[in-house]
């Protein structure tokens, strides 16, 4: 089965330029294309025999998870902006759980995670076993995940997400813009689906 790049209903974003969004969406489409190409090549190599292509197969399998991570994380990322910026509803389950765990400082805490050195993603997961959030950093996009936990909030902190608008040193300003543009209704629905 081939994957198809999704189309997102994105408004004009405050502090994130149209050009930056267009470049970023192009990168996302590349992840989808590359995942499909690698998947086809894996089938081709498997038909020829795994021993014959062992080194190529192992690299393609590793690379495939990178492309898949880029595809899915960007889908989570862009969908958070769909519609329009909407504040977090203080009366819902998500807001109450965030308040319980982060005492009103989720944005500051998440910004600290996002400001870690290196490319990757700041991710907020929900652990249904312990009934708590876990914030983490996925180096690149296929390392460092909390296995099996659903992602509630996804922040792309690769340089491509902010360098056009803020330069190489502007990650913090970009993260502020990210939070200004979130549609918390989308994030609330994600949370409701896994609680």
Protein backbone atom coordinates (compact mmCIF):
# COMPACT_ATOMS: atom_id res chain seq x y z
CA UNK A 1 0.00 0.00 0.00
CA UNK A 2 1.33 3.39 -0.95
CA UNK A 3 0.96 6.38 1.33
CA UNK A 4 -0.31 9.70 0.03
CA UNK A 5 0.73 13.10 1.35
CA UNK A 6 -2.13 14.72 3.21
CA UNK A 7 -3.47 18.18 2.51
CA UNK A 8 -3.84 20.43 5.55
CA UNK A 9 -6.31 23.28 6.04
CA UNK A 10 -3.75 25.74 7.33
CA UNK A 11 -4.55 29.37 8.10
CA UNK A 12 -1.95 32.11 7.86
CA UNK A 13 0.28 31.51 10.87
CA UNK A 14 1.50 34.28 13.15
CA UNK A 15 5.30 34.30 13.23
CA UNK A 16 5.68 31.40 10.79
CA UNK A 17 5.81 32.67 7.22
CA UNK A 18 3.89 31.26 4.27
CA UNK A 19 7.20 30.50 2.55
CA UNK A 20 8.44 28.57 5.57
CA UNK A 21 5.20 26.56 5.69
CA UNK A 22 5.40 25.81 1.95
CA UNK A 23 9.02 24.65 2.22
CA UNK A 24 8.12 22.57 5.25
CA UNK A 25 5.15 20.95 3.48
CA UNK A 26 7.46 20.10 0.58
CA UNK A 27 9.80 18.35 2.98
CA UNK A 28 6.86 16.40 4.41
CA UNK A 29 5.83 15.31 0.89
CA UNK A 30 9.41 14.11 0.40
CA UNK A 31 9.15 11.85 3.45
CA UNK A 32 6.00 10.28 2.02
CA UNK A 33 7.64 9.78 -1.39
CA UNK A 34 10.82 8.33 0.13
CA UNK A 35 8.91 5.97 2.40
CA UNK A 36 7.00 4.61 -0.60
CA UNK A 37 10.19 4.25 -2.68
CA UNK A 38 12.02 2.41 0.09
CA UNK A 39 9.04 0.12 0.68
CA UNK A 40 9.02 -0.84 -3.01
CA UNK A 41 12.77 -1.44 -3.01
CA UNK A 42 12.50 -3.67 0.07
CA UNK A 43 9.98 -5.90 -1.71
CA UNK A 44 12.22 -6.04 -4.78
CA UNK A 45 15.28 -7.00 -2.72
CA UNK A 46 13.35 -9.57 -0.71
CA UNK A 47 12.32 -11.31 -3.94
CA UNK A 48 15.99 -11.52 -4.96
CA UNK A 49 16.95 -13.10 -1.64
CA UNK A 50 17.89 -11.50 1.64
CA UNK A 51 21.43 -12.91 1.75
CA UNK A 52 22.31 -11.38 -1.61
CA UNK A 53 21.23 -7.92 -0.48
CA UNK A 54 21.81 -8.13 3.28
CA UNK A 55 23.71 -4.84 3.65
CA UNK A 56 21.37 -2.88 1.40
CA UNK A 57 18.33 -4.37 3.13
CA UNK A 58 19.56 -3.45 6.60
CA UNK A 59 20.23 0.14 5.57
CA UNK A 60 16.87 0.45 3.81
CA UNK A 61 15.05 -0.92 6.85
CA UNK A 62 16.80 1.63 9.08
CA UNK A 63 16.11 4.42 6.62
CA UNK A 64 12.48 3.40 6.24
CA UNK A 65 11.77 4.08 9.92
CA UNK A 66 13.37 7.51 9.55
CA UNK A 67 11.15 8.38 6.58
CA UNK A 68 8.05 6.98 8.31
CA UNK A 69 8.81 9.01 11.43
CA UNK A 70 9.20 12.14 9.32
CA UNK A 71 5.92 11.46 7.57
CA UNK A 72 3.81 10.74 10.65
CA UNK A 73 5.32 13.38 12.93
CA UNK A 74 4.77 16.06 10.29
CA UNK A 75 1.14 14.94 9.97
CA UNK A 76 0.70 15.43 13.71
CA UNK A 77 2.57 18.74 13.55
CA UNK A 78 0.62 20.33 10.70
CA UNK A 79 -2.78 19.08 11.86
CA UNK A 80 -2.30 21.03 15.13
CA UNK A 81 -2.55 24.28 13.14
CA UNK A 82 -5.61 23.35 11.07
CA UNK A 83 -8.62 25.62 11.36
CA UNK A 84 -7.28 28.46 13.44
CA UNK A 85 -5.44 29.14 16.67
CA UNK A 86 -7.74 28.12 19.52
CA UNK A 87 -6.90 28.41 23.22
CA UNK A 88 -6.93 25.45 25.55
CA UNK A 89 -10.35 25.07 27.17
CA UNK A 90 -9.64 25.19 30.91
CA UNK A 91 -12.68 23.04 31.69
CA UNK A 92 -11.75 19.95 29.69
CA UNK A 93 -9.89 16.81 30.72
CA UNK A 94 -6.67 17.72 28.88
CA UNK A 95 -6.39 21.13 30.56
CA UNK A 96 -7.06 19.65 33.99
CA UNK A 97 -4.44 16.93 33.53
CA UNK A 98 -1.86 19.43 32.23
CA UNK A 99 -2.56 21.70 35.21
CA UNK A 100 -2.25 18.78 37.62
CA UNK A 101 1.13 17.76 36.24
CA UNK A 102 2.68 21.03 35.07
CA UNK A 103 0.91 23.63 37.27
CA UNK A 104 0.37 26.04 34.38
CA UNK A 105 3.91 25.72 33.04
CA UNK A 106 3.46 23.27 30.15
CA UNK A 107 4.57 25.83 27.56
CA UNK A 108 7.74 26.70 29.48
CA UNK A 109 8.51 23.04 30.18
CA UNK A 110 7.90 22.01 26.58
CA UNK A 111 10.02 24.92 25.34
CA UNK A 112 12.91 23.63 27.46
CA UNK A 113 12.54 20.19 25.86
CA UNK A 114 12.40 21.76 22.39
CA UNK A 115 15.48 23.89 23.04
CA UNK A 116 17.71 20.85 23.48
CA UNK A 117 20.69 20.85 21.13
CA UNK A 118 20.41 18.91 17.93
CA UNK A 119 17.75 18.11 15.38
CA UNK A 120 14.60 16.34 16.36
CA UNK A 121 11.17 16.61 17.88
CA UNK A 122 9.81 17.65 21.26
CA UNK A 123 6.91 15.29 21.92
CA UNK A 124 4.29 15.05 24.62
CA UNK A 125 3.08 11.49 25.12
CA UNK A 126 0.28 10.06 27.22
CA UNK A 127 0.97 6.92 29.25
CA UNK A 128 -2.36 5.14 29.76
CA UNK A 129 -0.82 2.77 32.32
CA UNK A 130 0.47 5.41 34.76
CA UNK A 131 -2.14 7.98 33.63
CA UNK A 132 0.41 10.73 33.14
CA UNK A 133 2.16 12.72 30.44
CA UNK A 134 5.74 12.07 29.43
CA UNK A 135 7.60 14.78 27.56
CA UNK A 136 10.46 13.55 25.46
CA UNK A 137 12.90 14.43 22.71
CA UNK A 138 13.24 12.25 19.65
CA UNK A 139 16.64 12.80 18.10
CA UNK A 140 16.11 12.89 14.37
CA UNK A 141 12.64 11.30 14.29
CA UNK A 142 13.10 7.62 14.81
CA UNK A 143 15.13 7.51 18.04
CA UNK A 144 14.14 8.14 21.63
CA UNK A 145 10.42 7.42 21.46
CA UNK A 146 8.45 6.08 24.39
CA UNK A 147 7.40 2.82 22.77
CA UNK A 148 3.65 2.36 22.19
CA UNK A 149 2.66 5.66 23.81
CA UNK A 150 0.38 7.94 21.79
CA UNK A 151 1.69 11.39 20.93
CA UNK A 152 -0.52 14.25 22.08
CA UNK A 153 1.60 17.26 21.02
CA UNK A 154 4.38 17.36 18.39
CA UNK A 155 6.90 20.19 17.98
CA UNK A 156 9.34 20.02 15.06
CA UNK A 157 12.66 21.50 16.16
CA UNK A 158 14.74 20.61 13.13
CA UNK A 159 16.35 23.75 11.71
CA UNK A 160 14.14 23.63 8.62
CA UNK A 161 11.14 24.48 10.83
CA UNK A 162 12.51 27.88 11.89
CA UNK A 163 15.65 28.94 10.02
CA UNK A 164 13.87 30.87 7.22
CA UNK A 165 11.97 33.01 9.73
CA UNK A 166 14.35 33.20 12.69
CA UNK A 167 17.84 32.21 11.58
CA UNK A 168 19.98 29.49 13.07
CA UNK A 169 19.76 30.90 16.62
CA UNK A 170 16.01 31.57 16.63
CA UNK A 171 14.61 28.30 17.93
CA UNK A 172 13.14 29.89 21.08
CA UNK A 173 11.24 32.55 19.10
CA UNK A 174 9.95 29.87 16.75
CA UNK A 175 8.69 27.80 19.69
CA UNK A 176 6.82 30.86 20.99
CA UNK A 177 5.20 31.25 17.54
CA UNK A 178 4.36 27.54 17.52
CA UNK A 179 2.37 27.88 20.74
CA UNK A 180 0.57 31.03 19.50
CA UNK A 181 -0.75 29.14 16.49
CA UNK A 182 -1.89 25.88 18.07
CA UNK A 183 -5.46 24.75 17.69
CA UNK A 184 -5.84 23.18 21.12
CA UNK A 185 -9.15 21.67 19.98
CA UNK A 186 -7.18 19.27 17.74
CA UNK A 187 -4.89 18.36 20.63
CA UNK A 188 -7.85 17.90 22.99
CA UNK A 189 -9.40 15.42 20.53
CA UNK A 190 -6.15 13.44 20.36
CA UNK A 191 -6.11 13.24 24.13
CA UNK A 192 -9.79 12.24 24.39
CA UNK A 193 -9.15 9.35 21.97
CA UNK A 194 -6.52 7.78 24.23
CA UNK A 195 -7.74 8.50 27.75
